[in-house]
Amino acid sequence: MENRHFEYKFKEALKKLNDIELALNESSIVAITDSRGFINHVNDKFCEISKYERHELLGQDHRIINSKHHSSLFFKELWSTIF
């Protein structure tokens, strides 16, 4: 009986997590990096906005999408905030 309860709670939590992921992917651009700043996940919105294919982004850092619009100081402050 305890296993069924655990399985039910697990499936319920997994459904909530999937719902959150769906909402996030529909409304936001998402990029996940490793501790060194290399991209290991991007969602479809990120690809759509950046105009890069997923395989072009994976393994790169965010300099790949630098439009040169922001100063180097902006990026220095950004990275110091992240790390």
N, C-alpha and C. Protein backbone atom coordinates (compact mmCIF):
# COMPACT_ATOMS: atom_id res chain seq x y z
N MET A 1 0.82 -1.20 0.00
CA MET A 1 0.00 0.00 0.00
C MET A 1 0.87 1.27 0.00
N GLU A 2 1.95 1.24 0.77
CA GLU A 2 2.84 2.40 0.84
C GLU A 2 3.49 2.67 -0.51
N ASN A 3 3.84 1.60 -1.24
CA ASN A 3 4.43 1.76 -2.57
C ASN A 3 3.47 2.43 -3.54
N ARG A 4 2.20 2.10 -3.48
CA ARG A 4 1.21 2.72 -4.36
C ARG A 4 1.08 4.21 -4.06
N HIS A 5 1.09 4.54 -2.78
CA HIS A 5 1.00 5.95 -2.39
C HIS A 5 2.22 6.71 -2.91
N PHE A 6 3.40 6.12 -2.73
CA PHE A 6 4.63 6.75 -3.22
C PHE A 6 4.58 6.91 -4.74
N GLU A 7 4.13 5.87 -5.44
CA GLU A 7 4.04 5.92 -6.90
C GLU A 7 3.05 7.00 -7.34
N TYR A 8 1.93 7.11 -6.67
CA TYR A 8 0.94 8.14 -6.98
C TYR A 8 1.54 9.53 -6.77
N LYS A 9 2.21 9.74 -5.64
CA LYS A 9 2.81 11.04 -5.34
C LYS A 9 3.90 11.37 -6.36
N PHE A 10 4.68 10.36 -6.74
CA PHE A 10 5.73 10.57 -7.72
C PHE A 10 5.14 10.98 -9.07
N LYS A 11 4.13 10.28 -9.53
CA LYS A 11 3.49 10.61 -10.81
C LYS A 11 2.85 11.99 -10.77
N GLU A 12 2.26 12.34 -9.63
CA GLU A 12 1.66 13.66 -9.46
C GLU A 12 2.73 14.76 -9.55
N ALA A 13 3.85 14.54 -8.89
CA ALA A 13 4.95 15.52 -8.92
C ALA A 13 5.54 15.62 -10.33
N LEU A 14 5.68 14.49 -11.00
CA LEU A 14 6.20 14.49 -12.36
C LEU A 14 5.27 15.24 -13.31
N LYS A 15 3.97 15.08 -13.15
CA LYS A 15 3.00 15.80 -13.98
C LYS A 15 3.12 17.30 -13.75
N LYS A 16 3.23 17.71 -12.49
CA LYS A 16 3.38 19.14 -12.19
C LYS A 16 4.66 19.69 -12.82
N LEU A 17 5.73 18.93 -12.72
CA LEU A 17 7.00 19.36 -13.29
C LEU A 17 6.89 19.48 -14.81
N ASN A 18 6.25 18.54 -15.45
CA ASN A 18 6.04 18.61 -16.90
C ASN A 18 5.18 19.80 -17.29
N ASP A 19 4.16 20.10 -16.49
CA ASP A 19 3.31 21.27 -16.76
C ASP A 19 4.11 22.56 -16.64
N ILE A 20 4.97 22.63 -15.64
CA ILE A 20 5.81 23.82 -15.45
C ILE A 20 6.77 23.97 -16.63
N GLU A 21 7.38 22.87 -17.05
CA GLU A 21 8.30 22.91 -18.19
C GLU A 21 7.58 23.37 -19.45
N LEU A 22 6.39 22.86 -19.69
CA LEU A 22 5.61 23.27 -20.85
C LEU A 22 5.32 24.77 -20.83
N ALA A 23 4.86 25.26 -19.69
CA ALA A 23 4.56 26.69 -19.56
C ALA A 23 5.81 27.53 -19.76
N LEU A 24 6.90 27.12 -19.18
CA LEU A 24 8.16 27.85 -19.31
C LEU A 24 8.61 27.88 -20.77
N ASN A 25 8.54 26.74 -21.44
CA ASN A 25 8.97 26.67 -22.83
C ASN A 25 8.08 27.46 -23.77
N GLU A 26 6.82 27.61 -23.44
CA GLU A 26 5.91 28.39 -24.28
C GLU A 26 6.07 29.88 -24.09
N SER A 27 6.58 30.30 -22.94
CA SER A 27 6.59 31.72 -22.61
C SER A 27 7.97 32.35 -22.49
N SER A 28 9.02 31.55 -22.46
CA SER A 28 10.35 32.08 -22.15
C SER A 28 11.42 31.45 -23.03
N ILE A 29 12.52 32.19 -23.17
CA ILE A 29 13.70 31.58 -23.77
C ILE A 29 14.51 30.97 -22.63
N VAL A 30 14.99 29.76 -22.84
CA VAL A 30 15.69 29.04 -21.78
C VAL A 30 17.00 28.50 -22.33
N ALA A 31 18.07 28.80 -21.62
CA ALA A 31 19.38 28.21 -21.89
C ALA A 31 19.95 27.77 -20.56
N ILE A 32 20.48 26.57 -20.53
CA ILE A 32 21.11 26.04 -19.32
C ILE A 32 22.57 25.79 -19.65
N THR A 33 23.44 26.24 -18.76
CA THR A 33 24.87 26.08 -18.98
C THR A 33 25.48 25.25 -17.86
N ASP A 34 26.69 24.77 -18.13
CA ASP A 34 27.45 24.12 -17.07
C ASP A 34 28.14 25.19 -16.23
N SER A 35 28.93 24.79 -15.27
CA SER A 35 29.56 25.76 -14.36
C SER A 35 30.59 26.65 -15.05
N ARG A 36 31.03 26.26 -16.24
CA ARG A 36 31.99 27.08 -16.99
C ARG A 36 31.31 28.00 -17.99
N GLY A 37 29.97 27.92 -18.09
CA GLY A 37 29.23 28.80 -18.99
C GLY A 37 28.98 28.22 -20.37
N PHE A 38 29.26 26.94 -20.56
CA PHE A 38 29.00 26.31 -21.86
C PHE A 38 27.58 25.78 -21.91
N ILE A 39 26.89 26.08 -22.98
CA ILE A 39 25.48 25.74 -23.14
C ILE A 39 25.32 24.23 -23.29
N ASN A 40 24.45 23.65 -22.45
CA ASN A 40 24.16 22.22 -22.60
C ASN A 40 22.68 21.95 -22.82
N HIS A 41 21.86 23.00 -22.82
CA HIS A 41 20.44 22.86 -23.15
C HIS A 41 19.88 24.20 -23.59
N VAL A 42 19.09 24.19 -24.63
CA VAL A 42 18.31 25.35 -25.04
C VAL A 42 16.93 24.86 -25.44
N ASN A 43 15.93 25.69 -25.21
CA ASN A 43 14.59 25.29 -25.64
C ASN A 43 14.32 25.82 -27.05
N ASP A 44 13.18 25.43 -27.60
CA ASP A 44 12.83 25.84 -28.97
C ASP A 44 12.74 27.35 -29.12
N LYS A 45 12.21 28.03 -28.09
CA LYS A 45 12.09 29.50 -28.16
C LYS A 45 13.46 30.15 -28.28
N PHE A 46 14.44 29.62 -27.55
CA PHE A 46 15.79 30.17 -27.63
C PHE A 46 16.31 30.05 -29.06
N CYS A 47 16.11 28.90 -29.68
CA CYS A 47 16.53 28.70 -31.07
C CYS A 47 15.79 29.65 -32.00
N GLU A 48 14.49 29.79 -31.78
CA GLU A 48 13.68 30.67 -32.62
C GLU A 48 14.16 32.11 -32.55
N ILE A 49 14.41 32.60 -31.35
CA ILE A 49 14.82 34.00 -31.15
C ILE A 49 16.25 34.23 -31.64
N SER A 50 17.14 33.29 -31.35
CA SER A 50 18.55 33.47 -31.71
C SER A 50 18.83 33.18 -33.18
N LYS A 51 17.91 32.46 -33.83
CA LYS A 51 18.08 32.05 -35.24
C LYS A 51 19.20 31.02 -35.41
N TYR A 52 19.57 30.34 -34.33
CA TYR A 52 20.54 29.26 -34.39
C TYR A 52 19.84 27.94 -34.21
N GLU A 53 20.36 26.90 -34.84
CA GLU A 53 19.89 25.55 -34.61
C GLU A 53 20.45 25.06 -33.27
N ARG A 54 19.74 24.17 -32.63
CA ARG A 54 20.16 23.64 -31.33
C ARG A 54 21.59 23.10 -31.38
N HIS A 55 21.92 22.33 -32.41
CA HIS A 55 23.26 21.73 -32.49
C HIS A 55 24.36 22.78 -32.63
N GLU A 56 24.01 23.96 -33.14
CA GLU A 56 25.00 25.04 -33.27
C GLU A 56 25.27 25.70 -31.91
N LEU A 57 24.31 25.64 -31.01
CA LEU A 57 24.44 26.30 -29.72
C LEU A 57 25.07 25.41 -28.65
N LEU A 58 24.75 24.13 -28.69
CA LEU A 58 25.24 23.22 -27.65
C LEU A 58 26.76 23.16 -27.67
N GLY A 59 27.34 23.28 -26.47
CA GLY A 59 28.80 23.27 -26.34
C GLY A 59 29.44 24.63 -26.48
N GLN A 60 28.67 25.63 -26.92
CA GLN A 60 29.18 26.99 -27.06
C GLN A 60 28.90 27.79 -25.79
N ASP A 61 29.54 28.94 -25.66
CA ASP A 61 29.10 29.85 -24.60
C ASP A 61 28.23 30.93 -25.24
N HIS A 62 27.71 31.82 -24.45
CA HIS A 62 26.74 32.78 -24.97
C HIS A 62 27.34 33.84 -25.89
N ARG A 63 28.65 33.85 -26.01
CA ARG A 63 29.26 34.79 -26.96
C ARG A 63 28.80 34.52 -28.38
N ILE A 64 28.35 33.31 -28.65
CA ILE A 64 27.89 32.95 -29.99
C ILE A 64 26.71 33.83 -30.43
N ILE A 65 25.93 34.32 -29.48
CA ILE A 65 24.77 35.13 -29.85
C ILE A 65 24.98 36.62 -29.58
N ASN A 66 26.20 37.02 -29.33
CA ASN A 66 26.50 38.42 -29.04
C ASN A 66 26.26 39.27 -30.29
N SER A 67 25.33 40.18 -30.18
CA SER A 67 24.99 41.06 -31.31
C SER A 67 25.88 42.30 -31.37
N LYS A 68 26.77 42.44 -30.41
CA LYS A 68 27.65 43.62 -30.28
C LYS A 68 26.86 44.86 -29.85
N HIS A 69 25.59 44.66 -29.47
CA HIS A 69 24.76 45.78 -29.02
C HIS A 69 25.19 46.24 -27.62
N HIS A 70 25.58 45.28 -26.77
CA HIS A 70 25.97 45.60 -25.40
C HIS A 70 27.49 45.74 -25.29
N SER A 71 27.91 46.58 -24.37
CA SER A 71 29.35 46.80 -24.16
C SER A 71 29.97 45.61 -23.44
N SER A 72 31.29 45.54 -23.48
CA SER A 72 31.98 44.47 -22.77
C SER A 72 31.77 44.60 -21.27
N LEU A 73 31.59 45.82 -20.77
CA LEU A 73 31.30 46.03 -19.35
C LEU A 73 29.97 45.38 -18.97
N PHE A 74 28.98 45.50 -19.83
CA PHE A 74 27.69 44.86 -19.58
C PHE A 74 27.87 43.36 -19.36
N PHE A 75 28.63 42.71 -20.25
CA PHE A 75 28.83 41.27 -20.13
C PHE A 75 29.68 40.91 -18.92
N LYS A 76 30.65 41.74 -18.61
CA LYS A 76 31.47 41.50 -17.42
C LYS A 76 30.60 41.51 -16.17
N GLU A 77 29.71 42.50 -16.07
CA GLU A 77 28.80 42.58 -14.94
C GLU A 77 27.79 41.44 -14.93
N LEU A 78 27.32 41.07 -16.11
CA LEU A 78 26.39 39.94 -16.23
C LEU A 78 27.03 38.66 -15.69
N TRP A 79 28.25 38.36 -16.15
CA TRP A 79 28.91 37.13 -15.72
C TRP A 79 29.28 37.17 -14.24
N SER A 80 29.64 38.33 -13.73
CA SER A 80 29.95 38.40 -12.29
C SER A 80 28.68 38.19 -11.46
N THR A 81 27.53 38.59 -11.99
CA THR A 81 26.25 38.35 -11.31
C THR A 81 25.91 36.87 -11.33
N ILE A 82 26.12 36.23 -12.46
CA ILE A 82 25.79 34.80 -12.59
C ILE A 82 26.71 33.95 -11.73
N PHE A 83 27.99 34.25 -11.77
CA PHE A 83 28.95 33.43 -11.04
C PHE A 83 29.32 34.14 -9.77
